[in-house]
N, C-alpha and C. Protein backbone atom coordinates (compact mmCIF):
# COMPACT_ATOMS: atom_id res chain seq x y z
N MET A 1 -64.66 -190.74 43.97
CA MET A 1 -65.21 -191.15 42.69
C MET A 1 -64.15 -190.96 41.62
N GLU A 2 -64.02 -191.97 40.80
CA GLU A 2 -63.06 -191.91 39.72
C GLU A 2 -63.80 -191.91 38.39
N ILE A 3 -63.38 -191.05 37.47
CA ILE A 3 -63.99 -190.99 36.15
C ILE A 3 -63.31 -192.03 35.26
N GLY A 4 -64.11 -192.84 34.58
CA GLY A 4 -63.56 -193.83 33.67
C GLY A 4 -64.43 -193.96 32.43
N GLU A 5 -64.12 -194.95 31.61
CA GLU A 5 -64.83 -195.14 30.34
C GLU A 5 -66.33 -195.28 30.50
N GLU A 6 -66.77 -195.92 31.57
CA GLU A 6 -68.20 -196.20 31.76
C GLU A 6 -68.92 -195.13 32.57
N THR A 7 -68.24 -194.07 32.95
CA THR A 7 -68.85 -193.01 33.75
C THR A 7 -69.70 -192.12 32.86
N ARG A 8 -71.00 -192.05 33.16
CA ARG A 8 -71.93 -191.20 32.39
C ARG A 8 -72.14 -189.90 33.15
N VAL A 9 -71.89 -188.78 32.47
CA VAL A 9 -71.94 -187.46 33.10
C VAL A 9 -72.91 -186.56 32.36
N LEU A 10 -73.68 -185.79 33.12
CA LEU A 10 -74.57 -184.77 32.56
C LEU A 10 -73.98 -183.40 32.89
N ILE A 11 -73.78 -182.60 31.85
CA ILE A 11 -73.27 -181.23 31.99
C ILE A 11 -74.43 -180.28 31.74
N VAL A 12 -74.74 -179.43 32.73
CA VAL A 12 -75.85 -178.48 32.58
C VAL A 12 -75.29 -177.06 32.67
N ASP A 13 -75.28 -176.39 31.53
CA ASP A 13 -74.73 -175.04 31.44
C ASP A 13 -75.33 -174.39 30.21
N ASP A 14 -75.76 -173.15 30.31
CA ASP A 14 -76.38 -172.49 29.17
C ASP A 14 -75.37 -171.97 28.15
N PHE A 15 -74.12 -171.98 28.49
CA PHE A 15 -73.08 -171.44 27.62
C PHE A 15 -72.40 -172.58 26.86
N ASN A 16 -72.59 -172.63 25.56
CA ASN A 16 -72.08 -173.71 24.73
C ASN A 16 -70.57 -173.90 24.87
N THR A 17 -69.82 -172.82 24.89
CA THR A 17 -68.36 -172.93 25.01
C THR A 17 -67.97 -173.60 26.32
N SER A 18 -68.65 -173.26 27.40
CA SER A 18 -68.37 -173.91 28.69
C SER A 18 -68.65 -175.40 28.62
N ARG A 19 -69.78 -175.77 28.03
CA ARG A 19 -70.12 -177.19 27.92
C ARG A 19 -69.05 -177.94 27.12
N ARG A 20 -68.58 -177.36 26.04
CA ARG A 20 -67.54 -178.01 25.22
C ARG A 20 -66.24 -178.17 26.00
N MET A 21 -65.86 -177.13 26.74
CA MET A 21 -64.62 -177.20 27.53
C MET A 21 -64.73 -178.27 28.63
N ILE A 22 -65.89 -178.33 29.27
CA ILE A 22 -66.09 -179.33 30.33
C ILE A 22 -66.09 -180.73 29.73
N ARG A 23 -66.74 -180.89 28.59
CA ARG A 23 -66.75 -182.19 27.91
C ARG A 23 -65.31 -182.63 27.60
N GLN A 24 -64.48 -181.72 27.13
CA GLN A 24 -63.08 -182.05 26.83
C GLN A 24 -62.33 -182.43 28.11
N THR A 25 -62.60 -181.73 29.19
CA THR A 25 -61.98 -182.06 30.47
C THR A 25 -62.35 -183.48 30.89
N LEU A 26 -63.62 -183.84 30.70
CA LEU A 26 -64.07 -185.19 31.04
C LEU A 26 -63.43 -186.23 30.12
N ARG A 27 -63.26 -185.90 28.87
CA ARG A 27 -62.55 -186.80 27.95
C ARG A 27 -61.12 -187.02 28.43
N ASP A 28 -60.49 -185.95 28.88
CA ASP A 28 -59.12 -186.05 29.40
C ASP A 28 -59.05 -187.01 30.58
N LEU A 29 -60.16 -187.13 31.31
CA LEU A 29 -60.22 -188.05 32.46
C LEU A 29 -60.64 -189.45 32.05
N GLY A 30 -61.08 -189.63 30.79
CA GLY A 30 -61.35 -190.98 30.31
C GLY A 30 -62.76 -191.32 29.92
N THR A 31 -63.71 -190.40 29.98
CA THR A 31 -65.07 -190.75 29.59
C THR A 31 -65.53 -190.00 28.35
N GLU A 32 -66.25 -190.71 27.52
CA GLU A 32 -66.90 -190.12 26.34
C GLU A 32 -68.41 -190.07 26.56
N LEU A 33 -68.89 -190.63 27.67
CA LEU A 33 -70.32 -190.75 27.92
C LEU A 33 -70.86 -189.48 28.58
N CYS A 34 -70.90 -188.41 27.83
CA CYS A 34 -71.37 -187.12 28.35
C CYS A 34 -72.59 -186.67 27.57
N ASN A 35 -73.56 -186.17 28.30
CA ASN A 35 -74.70 -185.50 27.69
C ASN A 35 -74.66 -184.06 28.15
N GLU A 36 -75.20 -183.19 27.32
CA GLU A 36 -75.22 -181.76 27.64
C GLU A 36 -76.65 -181.25 27.64
N ALA A 37 -76.93 -180.35 28.59
CA ALA A 37 -78.22 -179.68 28.65
C ALA A 37 -77.96 -178.19 28.78
N LYS A 38 -78.72 -177.39 28.05
CA LYS A 38 -78.52 -175.94 28.09
C LYS A 38 -79.42 -175.26 29.11
N ASP A 39 -80.37 -176.03 29.69
CA ASP A 39 -81.28 -175.45 30.68
C ASP A 39 -81.84 -176.57 31.56
N PRO A 40 -82.48 -176.21 32.68
CA PRO A 40 -83.02 -177.22 33.59
C PRO A 40 -84.04 -178.15 32.95
N ASP A 41 -84.89 -177.64 32.07
CA ASP A 41 -85.90 -178.51 31.44
C ASP A 41 -85.25 -179.62 30.63
N GLU A 42 -84.25 -179.27 29.87
CA GLU A 42 -83.53 -180.26 29.08
C GLU A 42 -82.81 -181.25 30.00
N ALA A 43 -82.26 -180.76 31.10
CA ALA A 43 -81.57 -181.62 32.06
C ALA A 43 -82.53 -182.65 32.66
N ILE A 44 -83.72 -182.21 33.04
CA ILE A 44 -84.70 -183.13 33.63
C ILE A 44 -85.07 -184.23 32.64
N LYS A 45 -85.27 -183.87 31.38
CA LYS A 45 -85.60 -184.87 30.36
C LYS A 45 -84.48 -185.90 30.23
N LEU A 46 -83.23 -185.44 30.25
CA LEU A 46 -82.11 -186.37 30.15
C LEU A 46 -81.99 -187.24 31.40
N LEU A 47 -82.25 -186.66 32.56
CA LEU A 47 -82.21 -187.44 33.81
C LEU A 47 -83.28 -188.53 33.83
N GLU A 48 -84.40 -188.27 33.18
CA GLU A 48 -85.45 -189.28 33.11
C GLU A 48 -85.10 -190.39 32.12
N ARG A 49 -84.23 -190.09 31.19
CA ARG A 49 -83.88 -191.04 30.14
C ARG A 49 -82.65 -191.89 30.46
N TYR A 50 -81.67 -191.30 31.13
CA TYR A 50 -80.39 -191.98 31.38
C TYR A 50 -80.08 -192.06 32.87
N GLN A 51 -79.25 -193.03 33.21
CA GLN A 51 -78.72 -193.15 34.57
C GLN A 51 -77.33 -192.50 34.56
N TYR A 52 -77.16 -191.48 35.38
CA TYR A 52 -75.88 -190.77 35.43
C TYR A 52 -75.11 -191.13 36.69
N HIS A 53 -73.79 -190.99 36.58
CA HIS A 53 -72.90 -191.18 37.72
C HIS A 53 -72.52 -189.84 38.34
N LEU A 54 -72.68 -188.76 37.57
CA LEU A 54 -72.28 -187.42 38.01
C LEU A 54 -73.05 -186.38 37.20
N VAL A 55 -73.46 -185.30 37.90
CA VAL A 55 -74.09 -184.16 37.23
C VAL A 55 -73.31 -182.91 37.61
N LEU A 56 -72.94 -182.13 36.60
CA LEU A 56 -72.26 -180.85 36.79
C LEU A 56 -73.25 -179.76 36.41
N VAL A 57 -73.58 -178.88 37.36
CA VAL A 57 -74.61 -177.85 37.15
C VAL A 57 -74.03 -176.47 37.37
N ASP A 58 -74.22 -175.59 36.38
CA ASP A 58 -73.77 -174.21 36.51
C ASP A 58 -74.68 -173.47 37.50
N TRP A 59 -74.10 -172.54 38.26
CA TRP A 59 -74.87 -171.76 39.23
C TRP A 59 -75.97 -170.96 38.56
N TYR A 60 -75.62 -170.26 37.49
CA TYR A 60 -76.61 -169.40 36.84
C TYR A 60 -76.70 -169.73 35.35
N MET A 61 -77.92 -169.98 34.93
CA MET A 61 -78.22 -170.16 33.51
C MET A 61 -79.28 -169.12 33.16
N ASP A 62 -79.30 -168.68 31.95
CA ASP A 62 -80.21 -167.63 31.53
C ASP A 62 -81.63 -167.91 32.04
N GLY A 63 -82.05 -167.10 33.00
CA GLY A 63 -83.40 -167.23 33.55
C GLY A 63 -83.58 -168.33 34.58
N ALA A 64 -82.53 -168.99 34.98
CA ALA A 64 -82.66 -170.09 35.94
C ALA A 64 -81.41 -170.16 36.82
N ARG A 65 -81.62 -170.71 38.02
CA ARG A 65 -80.48 -170.95 38.92
C ARG A 65 -80.23 -172.45 39.01
N GLY A 66 -78.98 -172.80 38.92
CA GLY A 66 -78.62 -174.21 39.02
C GLY A 66 -79.04 -174.83 40.34
N VAL A 67 -79.02 -174.03 41.39
CA VAL A 67 -79.38 -174.54 42.71
C VAL A 67 -80.84 -174.99 42.74
N ASP A 68 -81.70 -174.34 41.96
CA ASP A 68 -83.10 -174.76 41.89
C ASP A 68 -83.23 -176.10 41.17
N LEU A 69 -82.40 -176.31 40.16
CA LEU A 69 -82.38 -177.60 39.47
C LEU A 69 -81.91 -178.70 40.43
N VAL A 70 -80.89 -178.41 41.21
CA VAL A 70 -80.39 -179.40 42.18
C VAL A 70 -81.51 -179.79 43.13
N LYS A 71 -82.21 -178.81 43.64
CA LYS A 71 -83.32 -179.08 44.57
C LYS A 71 -84.38 -179.95 43.90
N GLN A 72 -84.71 -179.64 42.66
CA GLN A 72 -85.71 -180.41 41.93
C GLN A 72 -85.25 -181.85 41.71
N ILE A 73 -83.99 -182.02 41.37
CA ILE A 73 -83.45 -183.37 41.19
C ILE A 73 -83.57 -184.15 42.49
N ARG A 74 -83.17 -183.55 43.58
CA ARG A 74 -83.20 -184.24 44.88
C ARG A 74 -84.63 -184.55 45.33
N GLU A 75 -85.57 -183.65 45.07
CA GLU A 75 -86.94 -183.84 45.54
C GLU A 75 -87.77 -184.75 44.65
N THR A 76 -87.67 -184.58 43.35
CA THR A 76 -88.61 -185.28 42.48
C THR A 76 -88.04 -186.50 41.77
N HIS A 77 -86.77 -186.63 41.75
CA HIS A 77 -86.19 -187.74 41.02
C HIS A 77 -85.53 -188.78 41.91
N SER A 78 -85.69 -188.64 43.20
CA SER A 78 -85.19 -189.61 44.17
C SER A 78 -83.75 -190.02 43.89
N LYS A 79 -82.95 -189.07 43.53
CA LYS A 79 -81.55 -189.34 43.25
C LYS A 79 -80.69 -188.76 44.37
N LYS A 80 -80.94 -189.21 45.57
CA LYS A 80 -80.25 -188.68 46.74
C LYS A 80 -78.76 -188.95 46.72
N SER A 81 -78.37 -190.08 46.15
CA SER A 81 -76.95 -190.43 46.18
C SER A 81 -76.19 -189.99 44.92
N LEU A 82 -76.88 -189.44 43.95
CA LEU A 82 -76.24 -188.98 42.72
C LEU A 82 -75.33 -187.79 43.02
N PRO A 83 -74.03 -187.90 42.75
CA PRO A 83 -73.15 -186.75 42.98
C PRO A 83 -73.49 -185.59 42.05
N ILE A 84 -73.69 -184.42 42.64
CA ILE A 84 -73.99 -183.21 41.88
C ILE A 84 -72.99 -182.14 42.30
N LEU A 85 -72.23 -181.65 41.32
CA LEU A 85 -71.28 -180.57 41.57
C LEU A 85 -71.85 -179.27 41.03
N LEU A 86 -71.85 -178.24 41.86
CA LEU A 86 -72.27 -176.91 41.45
C LEU A 86 -71.05 -176.17 40.93
N MET A 87 -71.15 -175.63 39.73
CA MET A 87 -70.03 -174.91 39.12
C MET A 87 -70.26 -173.41 39.28
N LEU A 88 -69.25 -172.73 39.83
CA LEU A 88 -69.35 -171.29 40.07
C LEU A 88 -68.10 -170.59 39.58
N MET A 89 -68.27 -169.32 39.21
CA MET A 89 -67.12 -168.50 38.80
C MET A 89 -66.43 -167.88 40.01
N ASP A 90 -67.21 -167.31 40.89
CA ASP A 90 -66.70 -166.59 42.05
C ASP A 90 -67.69 -166.78 43.19
N PRO A 91 -67.59 -167.89 43.92
CA PRO A 91 -68.63 -168.23 44.89
C PRO A 91 -68.69 -167.29 46.09
N LEU A 92 -69.90 -166.99 46.46
CA LEU A 92 -70.16 -166.24 47.68
C LEU A 92 -70.63 -167.23 48.73
N ASP A 93 -70.44 -166.89 50.00
CA ASP A 93 -70.84 -167.80 51.08
C ASP A 93 -72.31 -168.17 50.99
N ASP A 94 -73.18 -167.21 50.64
CA ASP A 94 -74.61 -167.52 50.59
C ASP A 94 -74.92 -168.46 49.42
N GLN A 95 -74.17 -168.38 48.33
CA GLN A 95 -74.38 -169.31 47.22
C GLN A 95 -74.03 -170.74 47.65
N LEU A 96 -72.93 -170.88 48.35
CA LEU A 96 -72.53 -172.21 48.82
C LEU A 96 -73.52 -172.75 49.83
N ALA A 97 -74.01 -171.89 50.72
CA ALA A 97 -75.01 -172.31 51.70
C ALA A 97 -76.30 -172.75 51.01
N MET A 98 -76.73 -172.00 50.00
CA MET A 98 -77.93 -172.37 49.25
C MET A 98 -77.71 -173.69 48.52
N GLY A 99 -76.54 -173.87 47.96
CA GLY A 99 -76.23 -175.11 47.27
C GLY A 99 -76.26 -176.31 48.21
N LYS A 100 -75.67 -176.15 49.38
CA LYS A 100 -75.67 -177.25 50.36
C LYS A 100 -77.08 -177.57 50.81
N ALA A 101 -77.89 -176.53 51.03
CA ALA A 101 -79.28 -176.74 51.45
C ALA A 101 -80.08 -177.46 50.35
N ALA A 102 -79.74 -177.19 49.10
CA ALA A 102 -80.44 -177.83 47.98
C ALA A 102 -80.01 -179.28 47.78
N GLY A 103 -78.80 -179.60 48.26
CA GLY A 103 -78.34 -180.98 48.16
C GLY A 103 -77.14 -181.22 47.27
N ILE A 104 -76.32 -180.19 47.02
CA ILE A 104 -75.12 -180.44 46.22
C ILE A 104 -74.17 -181.36 46.97
N SER A 105 -73.37 -182.07 46.22
CA SER A 105 -72.34 -182.92 46.81
C SER A 105 -71.06 -182.14 47.03
N GLY A 106 -70.90 -181.06 46.26
CA GLY A 106 -69.72 -180.23 46.34
C GLY A 106 -69.80 -179.13 45.30
N HIS A 107 -68.73 -178.36 45.21
CA HIS A 107 -68.69 -177.29 44.21
C HIS A 107 -67.30 -177.25 43.59
N ILE A 108 -67.24 -176.59 42.43
CA ILE A 108 -65.97 -176.44 41.74
C ILE A 108 -65.97 -175.07 41.06
N LEU A 109 -64.81 -174.44 41.07
CA LEU A 109 -64.68 -173.13 40.45
C LEU A 109 -64.39 -173.26 38.96
N LYS A 110 -65.12 -172.48 38.17
CA LYS A 110 -64.91 -172.43 36.72
C LYS A 110 -63.94 -171.31 36.39
N PRO A 111 -63.09 -171.51 35.42
CA PRO A 111 -62.86 -172.74 34.67
C PRO A 111 -62.00 -173.71 35.48
N PHE A 112 -62.10 -174.98 35.15
CA PHE A 112 -61.30 -175.99 35.85
C PHE A 112 -60.68 -176.94 34.84
N ASP A 113 -59.63 -177.62 35.29
CA ASP A 113 -58.97 -178.59 34.43
C ASP A 113 -59.21 -180.00 34.97
N ALA A 114 -58.68 -180.99 34.26
CA ALA A 114 -58.89 -182.39 34.63
C ALA A 114 -58.36 -182.68 36.03
N GLY A 115 -57.20 -182.13 36.37
CA GLY A 115 -56.62 -182.37 37.70
C GLY A 115 -57.49 -181.83 38.82
N THR A 116 -58.01 -180.63 38.63
CA THR A 116 -58.87 -180.02 39.65
C THR A 116 -60.16 -180.82 39.81
N LEU A 117 -60.77 -181.22 38.70
CA LEU A 117 -62.00 -182.01 38.77
C LEU A 117 -61.74 -183.35 39.44
N SER A 118 -60.65 -183.99 39.09
CA SER A 118 -60.30 -185.27 39.69
C SER A 118 -60.13 -185.15 41.20
N LYS A 119 -59.42 -184.12 41.65
CA LYS A 119 -59.23 -183.91 43.09
C LYS A 119 -60.55 -183.63 43.79
N THR A 120 -61.42 -182.87 43.15
CA THR A 120 -62.72 -182.55 43.75
C THR A 120 -63.56 -183.81 43.92
N LEU A 121 -63.47 -184.72 42.97
CA LEU A 121 -64.29 -185.94 43.00
C LEU A 121 -63.72 -187.02 43.91
N MET A 122 -62.49 -186.85 44.40
CA MET A 122 -61.84 -187.87 45.23
C MET A 122 -62.68 -188.26 46.45
N GLY A 123 -63.41 -187.30 47.02
CA GLY A 123 -64.18 -187.58 48.22
C GLY A 123 -65.55 -188.18 47.98
N PHE A 124 -65.94 -188.37 46.73
CA PHE A 124 -67.27 -188.91 46.40
C PHE A 124 -67.19 -190.42 46.22
N GLU A 125 -68.23 -191.07 46.61
CA GLU A 125 -68.38 -192.52 46.33
C GLU A 125 -69.75 -192.81 45.86
């Protein structure tokens, strides 16, 4: 998957600074079409409103786990082919296993730069 001008991305992270940094990374790759959600409820509302090409979900948000949001997206929104990247600071094997079981397309370590994100997305179509 290549990020370009028409690529619409949803960033789900409860930390405003992280969302801003990720948005800038996506701009560096060529897209301005980013929406941000600070929690799963806001993310679901945006997913119902827009068609996304990629969703970036933080592992832990205040009071919620990103992996639960991934599962909800896969089960209730019939978005089986939507690429979803789980963002983690220091992944444990059980976190990755839970993410895969929920339906993530892959994971990326935070913080990341445009080159790392681009390489991670190379295997997605």
